[in-house]
Amino acid sequence: MSKKVAVFRREHFNAAHRLFNPDWDDAKNEAIFGKCALPNYHGHNYELEVKLIGKPDKKTGYVMDLKKLSDLIKEEILGRFDHKNLNLDTEEFKNLNPTAENIAIVIYEILRPLIDKKMDLYIRLYETPRNFVEYPV
């Protein structure tokens, strides 16, 4: 038995975005993205779950100190995206459509180098209470 344990940290952030492909006209964008393509943006109350899987440390009993994980998420993710217009205020989405899928991938790519490689990292992002994505799968 591997004795691996999954630990989770949940955080919350608010952000605005517009789903839009600049190669398409407004009619096609609206047909594909619906109200999410409206030019004045809209916002979400995102719920972020960060899941780590690893073996508990023999000395601490932790897979990772969840306070340290919380601080890392607050500094690297919430500080970057909370109360921002993702399209206009962030480098990550200047040329990348800020779908929930892409936001989850970006969050993973920001956090992965900062978390011990011995641990598996998974991101779950709720855009609404009923719509969420996971990365990787």
N, C-alpha and C. Protein backbone atom coordinates (compact mmCIF):
# COMPACT_ATOMS: atom_id res chain seq x y z
N MET A 1 0.86 -1.19 0.00
CA MET A 1 0.00 0.00 0.00
C MET A 1 0.90 1.24 0.00
N SER A 2 0.52 2.24 -0.79
CA SER A 2 1.37 3.42 -0.96
C SER A 2 1.24 4.42 0.17
N LYS A 3 0.14 4.38 0.91
CA LYS A 3 -0.13 5.33 1.99
C LYS A 3 -0.13 6.78 1.53
N LYS A 4 -0.52 6.98 0.28
CA LYS A 4 -0.67 8.34 -0.21
C LYS A 4 -1.99 8.91 0.29
N VAL A 5 -1.98 10.22 0.52
CA VAL A 5 -3.15 10.93 1.02
C VAL A 5 -3.40 12.13 0.12
N ALA A 6 -4.67 12.42 -0.11
CA ALA A 6 -5.05 13.63 -0.85
C ALA A 6 -5.43 14.71 0.16
N VAL A 7 -4.87 15.90 -0.02
CA VAL A 7 -5.23 17.05 0.79
C VAL A 7 -5.75 18.14 -0.15
N PHE A 8 -6.68 18.93 0.35
CA PHE A 8 -7.33 19.95 -0.47
C PHE A 8 -7.27 21.30 0.21
N ARG A 9 -7.16 22.33 -0.59
CA ARG A 9 -7.32 23.70 -0.10
C ARG A 9 -8.31 24.39 -1.04
N ARG A 10 -9.32 25.01 -0.45
CA ARG A 10 -10.32 25.74 -1.23
C ARG A 10 -10.14 27.23 -0.99
N GLU A 11 -10.13 27.97 -2.07
CA GLU A 11 -10.04 29.43 -2.02
C GLU A 11 -11.10 30.00 -2.95
N HIS A 12 -11.27 31.31 -2.88
CA HIS A 12 -12.33 31.99 -3.62
C HIS A 12 -11.76 33.25 -4.26
N PHE A 13 -12.16 33.52 -5.49
CA PHE A 13 -11.81 34.81 -6.09
C PHE A 13 -12.92 35.24 -7.03
N ASN A 14 -12.98 36.55 -7.24
CA ASN A 14 -13.96 37.15 -8.14
C ASN A 14 -13.20 37.74 -9.32
N ALA A 15 -13.72 37.52 -10.51
CA ALA A 15 -13.05 38.10 -11.69
C ALA A 15 -14.07 38.26 -12.81
N ALA A 16 -13.79 39.24 -13.65
CA ALA A 16 -14.60 39.47 -14.84
C ALA A 16 -13.85 38.93 -16.06
N HIS A 17 -14.62 38.58 -17.07
CA HIS A 17 -14.00 38.17 -18.34
C HIS A 17 -15.00 38.30 -19.47
N ARG A 18 -14.48 38.15 -20.66
CA ARG A 18 -15.29 38.08 -21.87
C ARG A 18 -14.72 36.94 -22.70
N LEU A 19 -15.60 36.04 -23.12
CA LEU A 19 -15.19 34.96 -24.02
C LEU A 19 -15.37 35.47 -25.44
N PHE A 20 -14.27 35.47 -26.17
CA PHE A 20 -14.28 36.13 -27.47
C PHE A 20 -13.10 35.64 -28.29
N ASN A 21 -13.36 35.32 -29.55
CA ASN A 21 -12.28 34.98 -30.47
C ASN A 21 -12.13 36.15 -31.44
N PRO A 22 -11.01 36.85 -31.43
CA PRO A 22 -10.86 38.04 -32.27
C PRO A 22 -10.85 37.73 -33.76
N ASP A 23 -10.69 36.47 -34.13
CA ASP A 23 -10.73 36.10 -35.54
C ASP A 23 -12.15 35.99 -36.08
N TRP A 24 -13.14 36.03 -35.18
CA TRP A 24 -14.54 35.91 -35.58
C TRP A 24 -15.24 37.26 -35.44
N ASP A 25 -16.32 37.43 -36.19
CA ASP A 25 -17.12 38.65 -36.03
C ASP A 25 -18.01 38.50 -34.80
N ASP A 26 -18.67 39.62 -34.43
CA ASP A 26 -19.51 39.62 -33.23
C ASP A 26 -20.61 38.57 -33.30
N ALA A 27 -21.20 38.38 -34.49
CA ALA A 27 -22.30 37.42 -34.64
C ALA A 27 -21.82 36.00 -34.34
N LYS A 28 -20.65 35.63 -34.86
CA LYS A 28 -20.15 34.27 -34.62
C LYS A 28 -19.76 34.11 -33.15
N ASN A 29 -19.11 35.13 -32.56
CA ASN A 29 -18.77 35.05 -31.15
C ASN A 29 -20.01 34.87 -30.29
N GLU A 30 -21.07 35.62 -30.60
CA GLU A 30 -22.30 35.48 -29.83
C GLU A 30 -22.94 34.11 -30.05
N ALA A 31 -22.87 33.59 -31.27
CA ALA A 31 -23.42 32.27 -31.55
C ALA A 31 -22.68 31.18 -30.76
N ILE A 32 -21.37 31.32 -30.62
CA ILE A 32 -20.58 30.30 -29.93
C ILE A 32 -20.61 30.49 -28.41
N PHE A 33 -20.40 31.74 -27.95
CA PHE A 33 -20.23 32.00 -26.52
C PHE A 33 -21.45 32.60 -25.84
N GLY A 34 -22.49 32.93 -26.60
CA GLY A 34 -23.71 33.48 -26.02
C GLY A 34 -23.46 34.78 -25.28
N LYS A 35 -24.12 34.95 -24.14
CA LYS A 35 -23.99 36.17 -23.35
C LYS A 35 -22.56 36.39 -22.86
N CYS A 36 -21.78 35.34 -22.80
CA CYS A 36 -20.38 35.46 -22.34
C CYS A 36 -19.53 36.27 -23.32
N ALA A 37 -20.04 36.50 -24.54
CA ALA A 37 -19.29 37.26 -25.55
C ALA A 37 -19.67 38.74 -25.56
N LEU A 38 -20.61 39.15 -24.73
CA LEU A 38 -21.03 40.56 -24.75
C LEU A 38 -19.83 41.46 -24.48
N PRO A 39 -19.74 42.59 -25.18
CA PRO A 39 -18.51 43.40 -25.13
C PRO A 39 -18.22 44.08 -23.79
N ASN A 40 -19.17 44.16 -22.88
CA ASN A 40 -18.92 44.85 -21.61
C ASN A 40 -18.54 43.91 -20.47
N TYR A 41 -18.22 42.67 -20.80
CA TYR A 41 -17.71 41.70 -19.82
C TYR A 41 -18.79 41.28 -18.82
N HIS A 42 -18.47 40.28 -18.04
CA HIS A 42 -19.34 39.79 -16.96
C HIS A 42 -18.43 39.12 -15.94
N GLY A 43 -18.95 38.87 -14.75
CA GLY A 43 -18.11 38.34 -13.69
C GLY A 43 -18.58 37.02 -13.13
N HIS A 44 -17.67 36.37 -12.42
CA HIS A 44 -17.96 35.11 -11.73
C HIS A 44 -17.35 35.15 -10.34
N ASN A 45 -17.97 34.41 -9.45
CA ASN A 45 -17.43 34.14 -8.12
C ASN A 45 -16.82 32.75 -8.18
N TYR A 46 -15.55 32.69 -8.52
CA TYR A 46 -14.88 31.41 -8.72
C TYR A 46 -14.54 30.75 -7.39
N GLU A 47 -14.74 29.43 -7.33
CA GLU A 47 -14.28 28.61 -6.22
C GLU A 47 -13.15 27.74 -6.76
N LEU A 48 -12.02 27.82 -6.12
CA LEU A 48 -10.83 27.10 -6.55
C LEU A 48 -10.50 26.02 -5.52
N GLU A 49 -10.33 24.80 -5.98
CA GLU A 49 -9.84 23.71 -5.13
C GLU A 49 -8.50 23.26 -5.67
N VAL A 50 -7.53 23.25 -4.79
CA VAL A 50 -6.21 22.72 -5.13
C VAL A 50 -6.05 21.42 -4.36
N LYS A 51 -5.79 20.35 -5.10
CA LYS A 51 -5.65 19.01 -4.52
C LYS A 51 -4.21 18.55 -4.69
N LEU A 52 -3.62 18.10 -3.60
CA LEU A 52 -2.29 17.52 -3.63
C LEU A 52 -2.38 16.08 -3.15
N ILE A 53 -1.65 15.21 -3.82
CA ILE A 53 -1.59 13.80 -3.41
C ILE A 53 -0.13 13.47 -3.15
N GLY A 54 0.12 12.94 -1.96
CA GLY A 54 1.48 12.56 -1.62
C GLY A 54 1.50 11.74 -0.34
N LYS A 55 2.70 11.33 0.03
CA LYS A 55 2.87 10.58 1.28
C LYS A 55 3.11 11.57 2.42
N PRO A 56 2.45 11.37 3.55
CA PRO A 56 2.71 12.24 4.69
C PRO A 56 4.18 12.18 5.11
N ASP A 57 4.72 13.33 5.44
CA ASP A 57 6.09 13.43 5.94
C ASP A 57 6.20 12.69 7.27
N LYS A 58 7.29 11.96 7.45
CA LYS A 58 7.46 11.16 8.67
C LYS A 58 7.57 12.03 9.92
N LYS A 59 8.11 13.23 9.79
CA LYS A 59 8.31 14.10 10.95
C LYS A 59 7.08 14.94 11.28
N THR A 60 6.41 15.47 10.24
CA THR A 60 5.28 16.37 10.49
C THR A 60 3.92 15.68 10.38
N GLY A 61 3.87 14.62 9.58
CA GLY A 61 2.58 13.99 9.31
C GLY A 61 1.82 14.68 8.19
N TYR A 62 2.35 15.76 7.66
CA TYR A 62 1.70 16.52 6.59
C TYR A 62 2.11 16.00 5.21
N VAL A 63 1.16 16.01 4.28
CA VAL A 63 1.52 15.92 2.86
C VAL A 63 2.14 17.27 2.49
N MET A 64 1.45 18.35 2.87
CA MET A 64 1.97 19.72 2.80
C MET A 64 1.24 20.52 3.85
N ASP A 65 1.93 21.40 4.49
CA ASP A 65 1.30 22.30 5.46
C ASP A 65 0.26 23.13 4.71
N LEU A 66 -1.02 22.96 5.04
CA LEU A 66 -2.09 23.63 4.30
C LEU A 66 -2.08 25.14 4.50
N LYS A 67 -1.51 25.63 5.57
CA LYS A 67 -1.33 27.08 5.73
C LYS A 67 -0.35 27.60 4.68
N LYS A 68 0.72 26.85 4.46
CA LYS A 68 1.69 27.25 3.43
C LYS A 68 1.07 27.17 2.04
N LEU A 69 0.26 26.15 1.80
CA LEU A 69 -0.43 26.05 0.51
C LEU A 69 -1.40 27.22 0.34
N SER A 70 -2.14 27.55 1.38
CA SER A 70 -3.05 28.69 1.33
C SER A 70 -2.30 29.98 1.02
N ASP A 71 -1.18 30.20 1.70
CA ASP A 71 -0.39 31.41 1.45
C ASP A 71 0.10 31.45 0.01
N LEU A 72 0.53 30.32 -0.51
CA LEU A 72 1.01 30.23 -1.89
C LEU A 72 -0.10 30.57 -2.88
N ILE A 73 -1.29 30.02 -2.66
CA ILE A 73 -2.42 30.30 -3.54
C ILE A 73 -2.80 31.78 -3.47
N LYS A 74 -2.83 32.32 -2.26
CA LYS A 74 -3.19 33.74 -2.12
C LYS A 74 -2.19 34.63 -2.83
N GLU A 75 -0.92 34.33 -2.68
CA GLU A 75 0.11 35.17 -3.30
C GLU A 75 0.14 35.02 -4.81
N GLU A 76 0.14 33.79 -5.29
CA GLU A 76 0.35 33.53 -6.72
C GLU A 76 -0.90 33.58 -7.58
N ILE A 77 -2.05 33.23 -7.00
CA ILE A 77 -3.28 33.15 -7.79
C ILE A 77 -4.24 34.29 -7.43
N LEU A 78 -4.64 34.37 -6.18
CA LEU A 78 -5.61 35.40 -5.81
C LEU A 78 -5.04 36.79 -6.03
N GLY A 79 -3.79 37.00 -5.67
CA GLY A 79 -3.17 38.30 -5.89
C GLY A 79 -3.11 38.69 -7.35
N ARG A 80 -3.08 37.71 -8.21
CA ARG A 80 -2.98 37.94 -9.65
C ARG A 80 -4.35 38.10 -10.31
N PHE A 81 -5.37 37.36 -9.83
CA PHE A 81 -6.65 37.30 -10.54
C PHE A 81 -7.85 37.88 -9.80
N ASP A 82 -7.80 37.97 -8.47
CA ASP A 82 -8.97 38.41 -7.71
C ASP A 82 -9.30 39.87 -8.01
N HIS A 83 -10.58 40.12 -8.28
CA HIS A 83 -11.09 41.45 -8.59
C HIS A 83 -10.39 42.07 -9.80
N LYS A 84 -10.10 41.23 -10.79
CA LYS A 84 -9.46 41.70 -12.02
C LYS A 84 -10.38 41.39 -13.19
N ASN A 85 -10.19 42.14 -14.26
CA ASN A 85 -10.75 41.78 -15.55
C ASN A 85 -9.68 40.92 -16.20
N LEU A 86 -9.96 39.64 -16.35
CA LEU A 86 -8.93 38.71 -16.83
C LEU A 86 -8.42 39.10 -18.21
N ASN A 87 -9.31 39.56 -19.09
CA ASN A 87 -8.91 39.94 -20.44
C ASN A 87 -7.99 41.16 -20.45
N LEU A 88 -8.27 42.12 -19.59
CA LEU A 88 -7.58 43.42 -19.64
C LEU A 88 -6.47 43.58 -18.63
N ASP A 89 -6.59 42.95 -17.46
CA ASP A 89 -5.69 43.23 -16.35
C ASP A 89 -4.61 42.18 -16.12
N THR A 90 -4.63 41.09 -16.87
CA THR A 90 -3.66 40.02 -16.63
C THR A 90 -2.88 39.69 -17.89
N GLU A 91 -1.61 39.40 -17.71
CA GLU A 91 -0.78 39.00 -18.85
C GLU A 91 -1.20 37.63 -19.39
N GLU A 92 -1.61 36.75 -18.48
CA GLU A 92 -1.92 35.37 -18.86
C GLU A 92 -3.05 35.28 -19.89
N PHE A 93 -3.98 36.23 -19.87
CA PHE A 93 -5.15 36.13 -20.74
C PHE A 93 -5.23 37.24 -21.78
N LYS A 94 -4.14 37.94 -21.99
CA LYS A 94 -4.14 38.97 -23.04
C LYS A 94 -4.37 38.34 -24.41
N ASN A 95 -3.85 37.13 -24.61
CA ASN A 95 -3.98 36.43 -25.89
C ASN A 95 -4.53 35.02 -25.74
N LEU A 96 -5.19 34.77 -24.62
CA LEU A 96 -5.75 33.45 -24.34
C LEU A 96 -7.17 33.65 -23.83
N ASN A 97 -8.13 33.01 -24.47
CA ASN A 97 -9.53 33.15 -24.09
C ASN A 97 -9.71 32.62 -22.65
N PRO A 98 -10.20 33.46 -21.73
CA PRO A 98 -10.28 33.05 -20.32
C PRO A 98 -11.48 32.17 -19.99
N THR A 99 -11.57 31.04 -20.66
CA THR A 99 -12.58 30.04 -20.31
C THR A 99 -12.18 29.40 -18.99
N ALA A 100 -13.11 28.76 -18.35
CA ALA A 100 -12.79 28.05 -17.11
C ALA A 100 -11.68 27.02 -17.35
N GLU A 101 -11.73 26.37 -18.50
CA GLU A 101 -10.71 25.38 -18.84
C GLU A 101 -9.32 26.02 -18.88
N ASN A 102 -9.22 27.15 -19.59
CA ASN A 102 -7.92 27.82 -19.69
C ASN A 102 -7.47 28.40 -18.37
N ILE A 103 -8.39 28.90 -17.56
CA ILE A 103 -8.02 29.44 -16.25
C ILE A 103 -7.44 28.32 -15.38
N ALA A 104 -8.06 27.15 -15.40
CA ALA A 104 -7.56 26.02 -14.60
C ALA A 104 -6.16 25.61 -15.06
N ILE A 105 -5.93 25.56 -16.35
CA ILE A 105 -4.61 25.20 -16.88
C ILE A 105 -3.57 26.23 -16.45
N VAL A 106 -3.91 27.51 -16.56
CA VAL A 106 -2.98 28.58 -16.17
C VAL A 106 -2.66 28.48 -14.68
N ILE A 107 -3.66 28.25 -13.84
CA ILE A 107 -3.42 28.11 -12.40
C ILE A 107 -2.47 26.94 -12.14
N TYR A 108 -2.71 25.83 -12.79
CA TYR A 108 -1.83 24.67 -12.65
C TYR A 108 -0.40 25.04 -13.04
N GLU A 109 -0.25 25.69 -14.18
CA GLU A 109 1.09 26.03 -14.67
C GLU A 109 1.81 27.02 -13.76
N ILE A 110 1.07 27.87 -13.07
CA ILE A 110 1.68 28.79 -12.10
C ILE A 110 2.13 28.02 -10.86
N LEU A 111 1.28 27.14 -10.36
CA LEU A 111 1.56 26.45 -9.10
C LEU A 111 2.54 25.28 -9.23
N ARG A 112 2.50 24.57 -10.36
CA ARG A 112 3.30 23.33 -10.49
C ARG A 112 4.77 23.52 -10.16
N PRO A 113 5.44 24.56 -10.65
CA PRO A 113 6.87 24.70 -10.32
C PRO A 113 7.13 25.05 -8.85
N LEU A 114 6.10 25.47 -8.13
CA LEU A 114 6.27 25.93 -6.75
C LEU A 114 5.94 24.87 -5.71
N ILE A 115 5.50 23.70 -6.18
CA ILE A 115 5.10 22.61 -5.28
C ILE A 115 5.98 21.40 -5.55
N ASP A 116 6.45 20.78 -4.49
CA ASP A 116 7.34 19.63 -4.59
C ASP A 116 6.83 18.63 -5.63
N LYS A 117 7.71 18.23 -6.52
CA LYS A 117 7.36 17.31 -7.62
C LYS A 117 6.95 15.93 -7.11
N LYS A 118 7.26 15.60 -5.85
CA LYS A 118 6.84 14.31 -5.28
C LYS A 118 5.32 14.24 -5.11
N MET A 119 4.68 15.41 -5.14
CA MET A 119 3.23 15.47 -4.96
C MET A 119 2.54 15.65 -6.31
N ASP A 120 1.43 14.96 -6.48
CA ASP A 120 0.59 15.18 -7.65
C ASP A 120 -0.28 16.40 -7.37
N LEU A 121 -0.48 17.24 -8.38
CA LEU A 121 -1.26 18.46 -8.25
C LEU A 121 -2.45 18.40 -9.19
N TYR A 122 -3.62 18.76 -8.67
CA TYR A 122 -4.85 18.82 -9.46
C TYR A 122 -5.58 20.11 -9.13
N ILE A 123 -6.18 20.69 -10.13
CA ILE A 123 -6.94 21.92 -9.99
C ILE A 123 -8.39 21.64 -10.33
N ARG A 124 -9.29 22.08 -9.47
CA ARG A 124 -10.72 22.08 -9.77
C ARG A 124 -11.19 23.52 -9.61
N LEU A 125 -11.85 24.02 -10.67
CA LEU A 125 -12.31 25.41 -10.67
C LEU A 125 -13.80 25.44 -10.96
N TYR A 126 -14.55 25.98 -9.99
CA TYR A 126 -15.98 26.17 -10.16
C TYR A 126 -16.23 27.57 -10.69
N GLU A 127 -16.84 27.65 -11.87
CA GLU A 127 -17.23 28.94 -12.42
C GLU A 127 -18.60 29.35 -11.88
N THR A 128 -19.45 28.36 -11.71
CA THR A 128 -20.74 28.51 -11.05
C THR A 128 -20.91 27.29 -10.15
N PRO A 129 -21.91 27.27 -9.29
CA PRO A 129 -22.09 26.08 -8.45
C PRO A 129 -22.30 24.79 -9.25
N ARG A 130 -22.78 24.91 -10.49
CA ARG A 130 -23.06 23.72 -11.30
C ARG A 130 -22.06 23.49 -12.43
N ASN A 131 -21.21 24.47 -12.72
CA ASN A 131 -20.24 24.33 -13.82
C ASN A 131 -18.82 24.38 -13.26
N PHE A 132 -18.06 23.30 -13.47
CA PHE A 132 -16.68 23.29 -13.00
C PHE A 132 -15.82 22.45 -13.93
N VAL A 133 -14.52 22.70 -13.83
CA VAL A 133 -13.54 21.98 -14.64
C VAL A 133 -12.46 21.44 -13.72
N GLU A 134 -11.76 20.41 -14.21
CA GLU A 134 -10.63 19.84 -13.49
C GLU A 134 -9.45 19.71 -14.45
N TYR A 135 -8.26 19.95 -13.91
CA TYR A 135 -7.04 19.78 -14.68
C TYR A 135 -5.92 19.39 -13.74
N PRO A 136 -5.08 18.44 -14.15
CA PRO A 136 -5.21 17.57 -15.30
C PRO A 136 -6.22 16.45 -15.02
N VAL A 137 -6.54 15.71 -16.07
CA VAL A 137 -7.49 14.59 -15.92
C VAL A 137 -6.78 13.29 -16.19
